[in-house]
C-alpha atoms as a PDB file:
ATOM      1  CA  UNK A   1      58.331 106.903  90.952  1.00  0.00           C
ATOM      2  CA  UNK A   2      59.128 108.729  94.268  1.00  0.00           C
ATOM      3  CA  UNK A   3      57.002 111.639  93.078  1.00  0.00           C
ATOM      4  CA  UNK A   4      53.991 109.311  92.514  1.00  0.00           C
ATOM      5  CA  UNK A   5      54.349 107.865  96.028  1.00  0.00           C
ATOM      6  CA  UNK A   6      54.545 111.379  97.618  1.00  0.00           C
ATOM      7  CA  UNK A   7      51.509 112.509  95.582  1.00  0.00           C
ATOM      8  CA  UNK A   8      49.555 109.437  96.630  1.00  0.00           C
ATOM      9  CA  UNK A   9      50.089 110.198 100.389  1.00  0.00           C
ATOM     10  CA  UNK A  10      49.279 113.869  99.814  1.00  0.00           C
ATOM     11  CA  UNK A  11      46.017 112.947  98.173  1.00  0.00           C
ATOM     12  CA  UNK A  12      45.234 110.380 100.889  1.00  0.00           C
ATOM     13  CA  UNK A  13      45.826 113.015 103.525  1.00  0.00           C
ATOM     14  CA  UNK A  14      43.655 115.535 101.708  1.00  0.00           C
ATOM     15  CA  UNK A  15      40.901 112.893 101.360  1.00  0.00           C
ATOM     16  CA  UNK A  16      41.082 112.037 105.104  1.00  0.00           C
ATOM     17  CA  UNK A  17      40.585 115.659 105.993  1.00  0.00           C
ATOM     18  CA  UNK A  18      37.307 115.690 104.114  1.00  0.00           C
ATOM     19  CA  UNK A  19      35.907 112.717 105.989  1.00  0.00           C
ATOM     20  CA  UNK A  20      33.219 113.354 108.463  1.00  0.00           C
ATOM     21  CA  UNK A  21      34.372 111.538 111.589  1.00  0.00           C
ATOM     22  CA  UNK A  22      31.811 110.415 114.146  1.00  0.00           C
ATOM     23  CA  UNK A  23      31.724 112.294 117.420  1.00  0.00           C
ATOM     24  CA  UNK A  24      32.787 110.587 120.648  1.00  0.00           C
ATOM     25  CA  UNK A  25      29.169 110.214 121.644  1.00  0.00           C
ATOM     26  CA  UNK A  26      28.329 108.304 118.426  1.00  0.00           C
ATOM     27  CA  UNK A  27      31.313 106.036 118.933  1.00  0.00           C
ATOM     28  CA  UNK A  28      30.307 105.327 122.514  1.00  0.00           C
ATOM     29  CA  UNK A  29      26.729 104.602 121.494  1.00  0.00           C
ATOM     30  CA  UNK A  30      27.742 102.325 118.669  1.00  0.00           C
ATOM     31  CA  UNK A  31      30.090 100.414 120.941  1.00  0.00           C
ATOM     32  CA  UNK A  32      27.415  99.938 123.555  1.00  0.00           C
ATOM     33  CA  UNK A  33      25.062  98.673 120.907  1.00  0.00           C
ATOM     34  CA  UNK A  34      27.566  96.183 119.635  1.00  0.00           C
ATOM     35  CA  UNK A  35      28.398  94.957 123.143  1.00  0.00           C
ATOM     36  CA  UNK A  36      24.796  94.492 124.037  1.00  0.00           C
ATOM     37  CA  UNK A  37      24.087  92.594 120.815  1.00  0.00           C
ATOM     38  CA  UNK A  38      27.126  90.359 121.408  1.00  0.00           C
ATOM     39  CA  UNK A  39      26.062  89.657 125.030  1.00  0.00           C
ATOM     40  CA  UNK A  40      22.506  88.807 123.985  1.00  0.00           C
ATOM     41  CA  UNK A  41      23.769  86.528 121.228  1.00  0.00           C
ATOM     42  CA  UNK A  42      26.111  84.835 123.659  1.00  0.00           C
ATOM     43  CA  UNK A  43      23.267  84.113 126.021  1.00  0.00           C
ATOM     44  CA  UNK A  44      21.062  82.742 123.177  1.00  0.00           C
ATOM     45  CA  UNK A  45      23.850  80.473 121.942  1.00  0.00           C
ATOM     46  CA  UNK A  46      24.588  79.314 125.476  1.00  0.00           C
ATOM     47  CA  UNK A  47      20.976  78.415 125.938  1.00  0.00           C
ATOM     48  CA  UNK A  48      20.917  76.493 122.604  1.00  0.00           C
ATOM     49  CA  UNK A  49      24.075  74.669 123.666  1.00  0.00           C
ATOM     50  CA  UNK A  50      22.583  73.734 126.998  1.00  0.00           C
ATOM     51  CA  UNK A  51      19.323  72.494 125.423  1.00  0.00           C
ATOM     52  CA  UNK A  52      21.124  70.462 122.753  1.00  0.00           C
ATOM     53  CA  UNK A  53      23.564  68.989 125.294  1.00  0.00           C
ATOM     54  CA  UNK A  54      20.601  67.887 127.409  1.00  0.00           C
ATOM     55  CA  UNK A  55      18.817  66.401 124.353  1.00  0.00           C
ATOM     56  CA  UNK A  56      21.961  64.517 123.267  1.00  0.00           C
ATOM     57  CA  UNK A  57      22.376  63.303 126.824  1.00  0.00           C
ATOM     58  CA  UNK A  58      18.923  61.786 126.680  1.00  0.00           C
ATOM     59  CA  UNK A  59      19.879  59.810 123.563  1.00  0.00           C
ATOM     60  CA  UNK A  60      22.869  58.071 125.254  1.00  0.00           C
END
């Protein structure tokens, strides 16, 4: 049982050494893209919220 656990972690470590990790530049660019998308989506949702709040206010 212990041997299987040890072998599992050895194989996991070997597999992780074969992974092609992104460069720092790629991580920064990806993070910037996600933050920009999130910001744009927040603005769009905020505008929708404002418009619907105004329309519902007209109904009251």
